[in-house]
Protein backbone atom coordinates (compact mmCIF):
# COMPACT_ATOMS: atom_id res chain seq x y z
CA MET A 1 20.75 18.93 -40.63
CA THR A 2 18.69 21.99 -41.54
CA THR A 3 15.41 22.37 -43.21
CA ASN A 4 15.18 23.98 -46.59
CA THR A 5 12.41 26.61 -46.42
CA THR A 6 12.72 28.08 -49.93
CA THR A 7 9.48 27.74 -51.80
CA MET A 8 10.09 26.24 -55.29
CA THR A 9 8.98 24.39 -58.39
CA ARG A 10 11.41 21.81 -59.66
CA ASP A 11 11.35 18.99 -62.14
CA VAL A 12 13.40 15.78 -61.97
CA LYS A 13 13.43 12.54 -63.78
CA SER A 14 13.04 10.51 -60.46
CA LEU A 15 11.33 11.63 -57.27
CA ILE A 16 11.86 9.47 -54.15
CA ILE A 17 9.65 9.79 -51.03
CA GLY A 18 11.41 9.18 -47.83
CA SER A 19 15.16 8.91 -46.67
CA GLY A 20 15.19 5.63 -44.59
CA PHE A 21 16.95 2.61 -45.99
CA ALA A 22 14.68 2.36 -49.02
CA GLY A 23 14.94 6.01 -49.96
CA LEU A 24 18.62 6.17 -49.44
CA GLY A 25 19.43 2.90 -51.06
CA MET A 26 17.65 4.07 -54.21
CA ALA A 27 19.35 7.27 -54.33
CA ILE A 28 22.88 6.06 -53.81
CA GLN A 29 22.54 3.52 -56.81
CA LEU A 30 21.15 6.26 -58.88
CA LYS A 31 24.08 8.58 -57.75
CA ARG A 32 26.78 5.80 -58.32
CA ARG A 33 25.78 5.33 -61.71
CA GLY A 34 25.88 9.08 -62.62
CA ASP A 35 22.26 9.74 -62.57
CA ASP A 36 22.02 13.03 -60.85
CA ASP A 37 18.54 14.06 -61.86
CA PHE A 38 16.59 12.97 -58.89
CA ALA A 39 15.37 14.45 -55.60
CA ILE A 40 14.39 13.05 -52.28
CA LEU A 41 11.50 14.44 -50.33
CA GLU A 42 11.74 13.93 -46.34
CA ARG A 43 9.05 15.19 -44.06
CA ALA A 44 11.45 15.27 -41.09
CA ASN A 45 14.66 17.40 -40.53
CA ASP A 46 17.04 14.40 -40.69
CA VAL A 47 17.44 11.06 -42.66
CA GLY A 48 17.03 7.70 -41.07
CA GLY A 49 13.31 6.90 -41.23
CA THR A 50 12.44 4.31 -38.67
CA TRP A 51 15.77 4.82 -36.91
CA ARG A 52 15.48 8.56 -36.77
CA ASP A 53 11.79 8.29 -35.23
CA ASN A 54 12.31 5.33 -32.90
CA ASP A 55 14.94 6.62 -30.25
CA TYR A 56 13.18 5.13 -27.23
CA PRO A 57 15.29 3.89 -24.33
CA GLY A 58 16.79 0.38 -25.42
CA ALA A 59 16.10 0.90 -29.13
CA ALA A 60 18.04 -1.74 -31.15
CA CYS A 61 17.69 -3.90 -34.07
CA ASP A 62 16.79 -7.55 -34.03
CA VAL A 63 18.75 -8.37 -37.12
CA PRO A 64 22.45 -8.89 -37.07
CA SER A 65 24.01 -5.41 -38.06
CA HIS A 66 26.40 -6.83 -40.60
CA LEU A 67 23.15 -8.13 -42.60
CA TYR A 68 21.05 -5.22 -41.67
CA SER A 69 23.20 -2.92 -43.73
CA PHE A 70 23.75 -2.07 -47.43
CA SER A 71 25.99 -4.91 -49.09
CA PHE A 72 27.52 -2.05 -51.13
CA ARG A 73 28.22 0.01 -48.07
CA PRO A 74 29.76 -2.48 -45.42
CA ASN A 75 30.50 -1.09 -41.98
CA PRO A 76 33.52 -2.64 -40.41
CA ASP A 77 32.87 -0.63 -37.18
CA TRP A 78 29.65 -2.32 -35.85
CA SER A 79 29.86 -2.29 -32.02
CA ARG A 80 27.91 -5.36 -31.50
CA VAL A 81 26.10 -8.29 -33.41
CA TYR A 82 22.84 -6.37 -32.94
CA SER A 83 23.65 -2.49 -32.77
CA PRO A 84 21.69 0.08 -30.82
CA GLY A 85 19.46 2.32 -32.78
CA PRO A 86 21.74 5.39 -32.42
CA GLU A 87 24.54 3.51 -34.16
CA ILE A 88 22.30 2.44 -37.08
CA GLN A 89 21.10 6.11 -37.48
CA ALA A 90 24.66 7.30 -37.54
CA TYR A 91 25.34 4.78 -40.48
CA LEU A 92 22.31 6.19 -42.36
CA ARG A 93 23.54 9.72 -41.78
CA ALA A 94 27.01 8.70 -43.06
CA CYS A 95 25.51 7.04 -46.11
CA ALA A 96 23.67 10.16 -47.00
CA LYS A 97 26.70 12.46 -46.51
CA ASP A 98 29.46 10.26 -47.98
CA GLU A 99 27.40 9.32 -50.97
CA GLY A 100 26.69 13.08 -51.90
CA LEU A 101 23.16 12.77 -51.29
CA LEU A 102 22.49 15.93 -48.97
CA GLY A 103 22.11 18.20 -52.10
CA HIS A 104 19.22 16.09 -53.36
CA ILE A 105 17.31 15.87 -49.91
CA HIS A 106 14.63 18.50 -49.33
CA PHE A 107 13.89 18.31 -45.45
CA GLY A 108 10.52 19.56 -44.23
CA ALA A 109 9.09 18.49 -47.56
CA ASP A 110 5.89 16.34 -46.42
CA MET A 111 4.23 14.92 -49.46
CA GLN A 112 0.81 16.65 -49.32
CA ASP A 113 -0.67 15.15 -52.67
CA ALA A 114 0.93 13.26 -55.50
CA SER A 115 -1.15 13.15 -58.73
CA TRP A 116 -0.49 11.79 -62.10
CA ASP A 117 -0.91 14.38 -64.85
CA GLU A 118 -1.88 12.73 -68.12
CA SER A 119 -1.40 15.79 -70.20
CA SER A 120 2.21 16.30 -69.00
CA ARG A 121 2.87 12.67 -68.33
CA ARG A 122 4.37 13.43 -65.21
CA TRP A 123 3.80 13.18 -61.38
CA ARG A 124 3.07 16.43 -59.65
CA VAL A 125 3.63 16.36 -56.08
CA SER A 126 2.77 19.16 -53.63
CA THR A 127 4.78 19.75 -50.40
CA PRO A 128 5.19 22.77 -48.13
CA LEU A 129 8.27 23.77 -50.16
CA GLY A 130 6.42 23.95 -53.27
CA LEU A 131 5.68 21.70 -56.28
CA PHE A 132 7.77 19.05 -57.69
CA THR A 133 7.28 17.14 -60.79
CA ALA A 134 8.86 13.99 -62.12
CA GLN A 135 8.77 11.16 -64.70
CA PHE A 136 9.10 8.38 -62.01
CA LEU A 137 7.64 8.39 -58.47
CA ILE A 138 9.52 6.17 -56.11
CA THR A 139 7.98 5.75 -52.62
CA GLY A 140 10.21 4.55 -49.92
CA THR A 141 8.05 5.23 -46.71
CA GLY A 142 8.13 1.60 -45.56
CA HIS A 143 5.89 -0.21 -43.09
CA LEU A 144 6.93 1.55 -39.84
CA ALA A 145 6.59 5.32 -40.74
CA ASP A 146 3.21 6.09 -39.07
CA GLU A 147 2.53 5.27 -35.58
CA ARG A 148 -0.73 3.60 -34.47
CA PHE A 149 -2.71 4.25 -31.51
CA PRO A 150 -5.53 1.95 -30.13
CA SER A 151 -9.05 3.21 -30.09
CA VAL A 152 -9.44 3.46 -26.27
CA PRO A 153 -12.52 5.23 -24.62
CA GLY A 154 -11.47 8.06 -22.63
CA ILE A 155 -7.88 8.31 -23.91
CA GLU A 156 -8.27 11.99 -24.14
CA THR A 157 -9.02 12.30 -20.63
CA PHE A 158 -5.68 10.88 -19.21
CA THR A 159 -4.24 13.30 -16.95
CA GLY A 160 -0.66 12.36 -17.09
CA ASP A 161 1.91 12.10 -19.94
CA LYS A 162 1.08 9.73 -22.76
CA PHE A 163 3.12 9.27 -26.10
CA HIS A 164 3.85 6.52 -28.68
CA SER A 165 7.25 4.64 -28.49
CA ALA A 166 7.88 5.82 -31.97
CA ARG A 167 7.49 9.50 -30.76
CA TRP A 168 9.17 9.34 -27.55
CA ASP A 169 8.85 12.33 -25.25
CA HIS A 170 12.33 12.92 -23.84
CA SER A 171 11.13 15.81 -21.87
CA THR A 172 9.00 13.54 -19.65
CA SER A 173 10.72 12.62 -16.34
CA LEU A 174 10.17 8.79 -15.69
CA GLU A 175 12.11 8.55 -12.60
CA GLY A 176 9.97 7.17 -9.81
CA LYS A 177 6.85 7.28 -11.87
CA ARG A 178 3.89 4.94 -12.20
CA ILE A 179 4.23 3.97 -15.89
CA GLY A 180 1.84 1.85 -18.02
CA VAL A 181 3.12 0.04 -21.17
CA VAL A 182 0.44 -0.94 -23.80
CA GLY A 183 1.56 -3.74 -25.91
CA THR A 184 4.10 -6.56 -25.78
CA GLY A 185 5.78 -6.51 -29.43
CA ALA A 186 9.13 -5.91 -30.69
CA SER A 187 9.51 -2.28 -29.48
CA ALA A 188 7.74 -2.98 -26.05
CA ILE A 189 10.24 -5.83 -25.21
CA GLN A 190 13.20 -3.39 -25.46
CA VAL A 191 11.69 -0.33 -23.60
CA ILE A 192 10.10 -2.34 -20.78
CA PRO A 193 13.52 -3.54 -19.15
CA GLU A 194 14.74 0.14 -19.33
CA LEU A 195 11.57 1.59 -17.68
CA ALA A 196 11.60 -1.27 -15.15
CA ARG A 197 14.91 0.19 -13.87
CA THR A 198 13.49 3.60 -13.03
CA SER A 199 9.87 3.44 -12.49
CA ALA A 200 8.32 3.30 -9.06
CA GLU A 201 5.63 1.00 -10.74
CA LEU A 202 5.46 -0.57 -14.09
CA VAL A 203 2.17 -2.08 -15.50
CA VAL A 204 2.57 -3.91 -18.69
CA PHE A 205 -0.93 -4.53 -20.66
CA GLN A 206 -0.47 -7.67 -22.58
CA ARG A 207 -3.22 -8.62 -25.10
CA THR A 208 -1.38 -11.62 -26.50
CA PRO A 209 1.93 -13.21 -25.31
CA ALA A 210 4.83 -13.32 -27.57
CA TYR A 211 7.40 -16.15 -28.31
CA VAL A 212 10.63 -14.77 -27.15
CA ILE A 213 13.99 -16.45 -27.97
CA PRO A 214 17.42 -15.83 -26.40
CA ARG A 215 19.41 -12.92 -27.66
CA VAL A 216 22.83 -14.35 -28.70
CA GLU A 217 24.75 -10.96 -28.33
CA ARG A 218 28.06 -9.81 -28.03
CA SER A 219 30.68 -6.92 -28.86
CA TYR A 220 33.01 -7.19 -31.68
CA THR A 221 36.57 -7.04 -30.75
CA GLU A 222 38.94 -4.48 -31.98
CA GLY A 223 40.89 -7.22 -33.71
CA GLU A 224 37.69 -8.30 -35.52
CA LYS A 225 37.14 -4.69 -36.56
CA ARG A 226 40.67 -4.38 -38.05
CA LEU A 227 40.27 -7.54 -39.95
CA PHE A 228 36.87 -6.13 -41.35
CA ARG A 229 38.76 -2.86 -42.35
CA ARG A 230 41.70 -4.69 -44.00
CA ASP A 231 39.80 -7.39 -45.63
CA PRO A 232 36.23 -6.62 -46.90
CA SER A 233 35.72 -10.21 -48.05
CA ALA A 234 35.62 -11.00 -44.35
CA ILE A 235 32.58 -8.88 -44.15
CA SER A 236 31.04 -10.55 -47.10
CA ALA A 237 31.49 -13.91 -45.75
CA LEU A 238 30.08 -13.20 -42.41
CA ARG A 239 27.08 -11.43 -44.09
CA SER A 240 26.60 -14.51 -46.34
CA ASP A 241 26.80 -16.85 -43.20
CA LEU A 242 24.21 -14.58 -41.41
CA PHE A 243 21.83 -14.57 -44.40
CA TRP A 244 21.82 -18.47 -44.89
CA THR A 245 21.40 -18.90 -41.12
CA GLY A 246 18.27 -16.75 -41.20
CA GLU A 247 17.13 -18.44 -44.56
CA ASN A 248 17.07 -21.84 -42.59
CA ASN A 249 14.45 -20.20 -40.28
CA TYR A 250 11.94 -19.98 -43.03
CA ALA A 251 10.89 -23.59 -42.69
CA GLN A 252 9.33 -22.57 -39.30
CA ARG A 253 7.15 -20.06 -41.19
CA ARG A 254 6.31 -22.60 -43.83
CA GLY A 255 4.60 -24.72 -40.98
CA VAL A 256 7.25 -27.69 -41.25
CA PRO A 257 6.42 -29.51 -38.00
CA GLN A 258 10.08 -30.38 -36.95
CA TYR A 259 11.16 -26.70 -37.26
CA LEU A 260 8.05 -25.51 -35.74
CA GLU A 261 8.75 -27.78 -32.84
CA ALA A 262 12.36 -26.51 -32.54
CA ALA A 263 11.28 -22.96 -32.51
CA ARG A 264 8.66 -23.61 -29.94
CA SER A 265 11.11 -25.62 -27.89
CA MET A 266 13.76 -22.86 -27.71
CA ALA A 267 11.10 -20.22 -26.85
CA LEU A 268 9.45 -22.04 -24.23
CA GLY A 269 12.85 -23.32 -22.82
CA HIS A 270 13.80 -19.76 -22.50
CA LEU A 271 10.58 -18.88 -20.84
CA ALA A 272 11.11 -21.56 -18.38
CA ALA A 273 14.57 -20.70 -17.59
CA GLN A 274 13.74 -17.00 -16.96
CA ILE A 275 10.35 -17.14 -15.37
CA THR A 276 10.26 -19.17 -12.21
CA ASP A 277 6.57 -18.24 -11.14
CA PRO A 278 4.42 -20.77 -12.78
CA GLU A 279 1.40 -18.63 -12.84
CA LEU A 280 3.32 -15.91 -14.56
CA ARG A 281 4.80 -18.32 -17.08
CA GLU A 282 1.22 -19.57 -18.01
CA VAL A 283 0.23 -15.94 -18.63
CA LEU A 284 3.28 -15.56 -20.72
CA THR A 285 2.84 -18.75 -22.88
CA PRO A 286 1.45 -18.19 -26.38
CA ASP A 287 -1.31 -20.43 -27.81
CA TYR A 288 -0.63 -20.07 -31.50
CA GLU A 289 2.17 -21.32 -33.74
CA PRO A 290 5.83 -19.66 -33.52
CA GLY A 291 6.29 -17.16 -36.17
CA CYS A 292 2.60 -16.29 -36.55
CA LYS A 293 3.46 -13.12 -34.87
CA ARG A 294 7.03 -11.75 -35.07
CA LEU A 295 9.48 -14.11 -33.05
CA LEU A 296 11.15 -11.64 -30.50
CA ILE A 297 14.43 -11.95 -29.15
CA SER A 298 15.54 -10.69 -25.48
CA ASN A 299 17.49 -11.73 -22.50
CA THR A 300 16.23 -8.78 -20.49
CA TYR A 301 12.54 -8.79 -20.88
CA TYR A 302 11.32 -11.69 -18.88
CA PRO A 303 13.59 -10.80 -15.95
CA ALA A 304 11.84 -7.17 -16.08
CA LEU A 305 8.61 -8.80 -15.82
CA GLN A 306 9.44 -10.45 -12.59
CA ALA A 307 10.66 -7.30 -10.98
CA GLU A 308 8.89 -6.44 -7.59
CA THR A 309 7.28 -3.17 -9.16
CA THR A 310 6.31 -4.74 -12.23
CA THR A 311 2.70 -6.07 -12.95
CA VAL A 312 1.75 -8.11 -15.87
CA GLU A 313 -1.85 -7.37 -16.89
CA ALA A 314 -2.84 -10.13 -18.88
CA SER A 315 -5.56 -8.22 -20.91
CA ALA A 316 -5.89 -5.34 -23.17
CA LEU A 317 -6.39 -1.73 -22.27
CA ASP A 318 -10.08 -1.12 -21.99
CA ARG A 319 -10.72 2.46 -21.10
CA ILE A 320 -9.25 5.52 -19.35
CA GLU A 321 -10.74 7.59 -16.70
CA GLY A 322 -8.49 10.47 -15.90
CA SER A 323 -5.51 9.07 -14.09
CA ARG A 324 -7.13 5.60 -13.64
CA VAL A 325 -6.53 3.01 -16.42
CA VAL A 326 -8.77 0.07 -16.71
CA ALA A 327 -8.01 -3.30 -18.26
CA ALA A 328 -10.40 -5.54 -20.09
CA SER A 329 -10.12 -7.80 -16.94
CA GLY A 330 -11.75 -4.89 -14.72
CA ALA A 331 -8.54 -4.27 -13.04
CA GLY A 332 -7.84 -0.56 -12.43
CA TYR A 333 -4.47 1.35 -12.09
CA GLU A 334 -3.40 4.66 -11.15
CA LEU A 335 -0.83 5.84 -13.55
CA ASP A 336 1.45 8.99 -14.11
CA VAL A 337 2.66 7.95 -17.77
CA LEU A 338 1.20 5.93 -20.66
CA VAL A 339 3.48 4.59 -23.30
CA PHE A 340 1.80 3.09 -26.35
CA ALA A 341 4.12 0.47 -27.82
CA THR A 342 1.15 -0.43 -30.21
CA GLY A 343 2.61 -0.62 -33.79
CA PHE A 344 2.16 1.14 -36.87
CA GLU A 345 -0.22 1.85 -39.58
CA ALA A 346 1.37 -1.06 -41.72
CA THR A 347 -1.54 -2.61 -43.66
CA GLU A 348 -3.23 0.77 -44.41
CA PRO A 349 -0.31 3.09 -45.09
CA PRO A 350 -1.48 6.75 -44.70
CA PHE A 351 0.59 7.88 -47.75
CA ALA A 352 -1.68 5.81 -50.14
CA ALA A 353 -4.40 8.26 -49.45
CA LEU A 354 -2.26 10.92 -50.80
CA VAL A 355 -1.53 9.40 -54.16
CA HIS A 356 -3.74 9.59 -57.19
CA GLY A 357 -3.21 7.70 -60.45
CA ARG A 358 -4.98 7.71 -63.86
CA ASP A 359 -8.36 9.51 -63.70
CA GLY A 360 -7.79 10.54 -60.13
CA LEU A 361 -7.78 6.93 -59.01
CA ASN A 362 -6.87 6.93 -55.21
CA LEU A 363 -4.13 4.35 -54.16
CA SER A 364 -5.86 3.74 -50.88
CA GLU A 365 -9.12 3.05 -52.49
CA HIS A 366 -7.24 0.54 -55.06
CA TRP A 367 -5.94 -0.99 -51.83
CA LYS A 368 -9.30 -1.20 -50.00
CA SER A 369 -9.10 -4.86 -49.75
CA GLY A 370 -5.24 -4.83 -48.94
CA MET A 371 -2.05 -3.50 -50.36
CA GLN A 372 -0.98 -5.26 -53.61
CA ALA A 373 1.49 -4.68 -56.42
CA HIS A 374 2.78 -6.34 -59.49
CA ASP A 375 6.08 -7.89 -58.69
CA SER A 376 5.69 -6.29 -55.27
CA VAL A 377 6.73 -2.92 -56.76
CA THR A 378 4.37 -1.45 -59.28
CA VAL A 379 0.73 -0.77 -59.36
CA SER A 380 -1.97 -0.81 -62.26
CA GLY A 381 -3.51 2.59 -62.80
CA PHE A 382 -0.32 4.35 -61.25
CA PRO A 383 2.08 4.94 -64.27
CA ASN A 384 5.71 5.15 -63.60
CA MET A 385 5.33 4.67 -59.86
CA PHE A 386 7.35 2.02 -58.09
CA VAL A 387 6.71 1.27 -54.34
CA LEU A 388 9.70 0.22 -52.31
CA ASN A 389 9.21 -1.97 -49.00
CA GLY A 390 5.48 -2.06 -49.74
CA PRO A 391 3.10 -5.03 -50.42
CA ASN A 392 4.48 -8.40 -49.70
CA THR A 393 8.08 -7.40 -48.79
CA SER A 394 8.67 -7.85 -45.32
CA LEU A 395 10.42 -11.00 -43.99
CA GLY A 396 9.89 -12.77 -40.74
CA HIS A 397 13.13 -14.47 -40.76
CA ASN A 398 15.58 -12.39 -42.47
CA SER A 399 16.92 -8.70 -43.42
CA ILE A 400 14.49 -6.24 -45.05
CA VAL A 401 17.62 -4.52 -46.49
CA TYR A 402 18.26 -7.56 -48.78
CA ILE A 403 14.70 -7.15 -50.31
CA ILE A 404 15.17 -3.42 -50.52
CA GLU A 405 18.35 -3.82 -52.54
CA SER A 406 16.58 -6.45 -54.91
CA GLN A 407 13.67 -3.88 -55.47
CA VAL A 408 16.31 -1.16 -56.09
CA ASN A 409 17.84 -3.31 -58.81
CA TYR A 410 14.32 -4.15 -60.15
CA VAL A 411 13.59 -0.13 -60.46
CA LEU A 412 16.89 0.56 -62.00
CA GLY A 413 16.29 -2.01 -64.65
CA ALA A 414 12.83 -0.49 -65.30
CA ILE A 415 14.33 2.81 -65.93
CA ASP A 416 17.00 1.37 -68.10
CA HIS A 417 14.28 -0.46 -70.09
CA ALA A 418 12.45 2.88 -70.46
CA ASP A 419 15.34 4.83 -71.59
CA ALA A 420 16.64 2.19 -74.13
CA LEU A 421 13.29 1.98 -75.92
CA ASP A 422 12.46 5.71 -75.45
CA ILE A 423 9.50 4.82 -73.28
CA GLU A 424 7.78 7.57 -71.58
CA ILE A 425 5.23 5.60 -69.61
CA LEU A 426 5.62 2.22 -67.82
CA GLU A 427 2.69 0.45 -66.14
CA PRO A 428 1.63 -3.11 -65.11
CA SER A 429 -1.60 -4.30 -66.69
CA SER A 430 -4.41 -5.07 -64.18
CA ARG A 431 -4.24 -8.67 -65.59
CA ALA A 432 -0.49 -9.01 -64.69
CA GLU A 433 -1.04 -7.31 -61.11
CA GLU A 434 -3.98 -9.77 -60.38
CA ALA A 435 -2.08 -12.78 -61.63
CA TYR A 436 0.82 -11.93 -59.31
CA VAL A 437 -1.45 -11.44 -56.47
CA GLU A 438 -3.13 -14.75 -56.94
CA GLN A 439 0.34 -16.47 -56.85
CA ILE A 440 1.23 -14.79 -53.67
CA GLN A 441 -2.02 -15.61 -51.96
CA ALA A 442 -1.62 -19.36 -53.09
CA ALA A 443 2.07 -19.36 -51.91
CA ALA A 444 0.84 -18.10 -48.33
CA GLN A 445 -1.75 -20.97 -47.78
CA GLY A 446 -0.18 -23.40 -45.24
CA THR A 447 2.23 -20.79 -43.66
CA VAL A 448 2.11 -19.84 -40.05
CA TRP A 449 0.76 -16.30 -40.92
CA ILE A 450 -2.56 -17.77 -42.36
CA ASP A 451 -2.88 -20.88 -40.52
CA GLY A 452 -0.91 -20.23 -37.44
CA GLY A 453 -3.94 -19.40 -35.07
CA CYS A 454 -3.10 -15.76 -34.31
CA LYS A 455 -4.18 -12.35 -35.52
CA SER A 456 -1.33 -10.28 -36.67
CA TRP A 457 -0.37 -7.00 -38.56
CA TYR A 458 0.91 -9.19 -41.59
CA VAL A 459 -2.55 -10.02 -42.52
CA ASP A 460 -5.02 -7.42 -43.78
CA GLU A 461 -8.20 -7.48 -41.37
CA ARG A 462 -10.49 -6.39 -44.33
CA SER A 463 -9.71 -9.31 -46.73
CA GLY A 464 -7.82 -11.67 -44.74
CA ARG A 465 -5.13 -11.66 -47.30
CA LEU A 466 -1.41 -11.71 -46.46
CA THR A 467 -0.47 -8.22 -47.67
CA LEU A 468 3.07 -7.44 -45.82
CA ILE A 469 5.02 -10.72 -45.75
CA TRP A 470 6.77 -12.41 -48.63
CA PRO A 471 5.74 -15.96 -48.22
CA ASP A 472 8.83 -17.66 -49.39
CA PHE A 473 12.63 -17.65 -48.81
CA GLY A 474 14.42 -14.31 -49.11
CA PHE A 475 16.56 -15.54 -51.95
CA ALA A 476 13.32 -16.46 -53.74
CA PHE A 477 12.25 -12.85 -53.51
CA ARG A 478 15.43 -11.73 -55.46
CA ASP A 479 15.11 -14.50 -57.91
CA ALA A 480 11.52 -13.49 -58.81
CA ASN A 481 11.62 -9.82 -58.33
CA GLY A 482 15.26 -8.50 -58.32
CA THR A 483 15.48 -7.98 -62.05
CA PHE A 484 13.01 -6.09 -64.06
CA LYS A 485 10.84 -8.14 -66.62
CA PRO A 486 8.81 -6.27 -69.18
CA GLY A 487 6.49 -8.95 -69.69
CA GLY A 488 3.03 -7.89 -68.12
CA TYR A 489 3.70 -4.16 -68.69
CA LEU A 490 1.92 -1.69 -70.83
CA SER A 491 4.26 1.04 -72.32
CA THR A 492 3.92 4.26 -74.16
CA ALA A 493 6.61 5.57 -76.37
CA ARG A 494 7.27 9.28 -76.45
CA SER A 495 5.71 9.16 -79.90
CA GLY A 496 2.45 8.12 -78.14
CA GLU A 497 2.16 4.69 -79.38
CA LEU A 498 0.82 2.01 -76.81
CA ALA A 499 2.63 -1.28 -76.57
CA GLY A 500 2.82 -4.39 -74.20
CA VAL A 501 0.22 -6.90 -73.17
């Protein structure tokens, strides 16, 4: 896909930021109902978001593909239960093309500033391509948009190649190299087995061990694919089975003892079956509750750690001295390549610093104690703004696409409400936002994310609040936030009259 380089000023009803699952899902539903008055701003040169950026070796989804896809755009041709990243990226490209979205997308249009203009009652968004104005601003940047590097003394002195897993340097030859991987999370456990096959030496820097369970994986047969093509209800039935199987796992996160023990037994049994060295097994055994950090799935991670050329360094990366990399334990390693699988700026998303609401209020300042939003989608002081896949929307047990679809329906309902009543400005009251946040934090108490004995990206370090995860079943999110509810909103009609609570 090509980049539009024409400088322009354009006004639309709805302006969508990002073209991953959230942005495309929102745009598809607008388009399908005949609303063409929207634009999508994409900073890169292709759609796909996370699946465009994360093209490291071994990248794949850890949610079954028939659930990790739009319910309104089923794909009968998924190759496997858990599809590889390039296949998901191809699906998203097809969504954009087949749904007629390419004419609405402006590539190379990084949002440089988004400010609410009270006089015109519109959002003004600056990009390298020019100015966009809109009645509604819909952000779909997600939690995995901006990579995070650890603060490591001497990192700039490293004499070899270094890059983040989300910005893989495919020009770097890894064959026969001494490679260090920093991190043991969801990306790391996929890339480590790939690197173990080609590296001369592989050092894995593990700050905290993860719970890893078996990956029940297989390819779909041609017969199954034919059935899915001929009978779409077969996909719906499979999707339903996958969803409710995932919902059953929420009890683990709620801290229900028997479910916690079942998860622990599965993970530790997998560890015992694959790691024969008792000392290594001890190093890889977590000391917190399952689900406190993301529960990982892999059949190849533990075998890769037992390879003769692999060293598990059971401490964090402490400092770098040229080609020598030193762990917190004091152990030093001479390396040629450093791969940082260290996650993303999830709790403090960089896009928030670029957004200014009423009276210049900065979104990152509003979120200085952690992200929050009324009904997990709108923010007081930021009129006509909707945040998709933002505060308290992640799931540790099910598909984020289900949550995104719920939020899209909420936004459509809000737009319909505004149109029906000739409302120009829609904004939650601060009271409604705070009341919702209090409910969320009350619900979070007793979950493994708060009481599980670990430090995770789900909890904001500044406040200790659970800001990323939805602390309930997935279906409960849709029940609560899948339909727009005008109560709690302030609204201004085109006549200028203010109404609401």
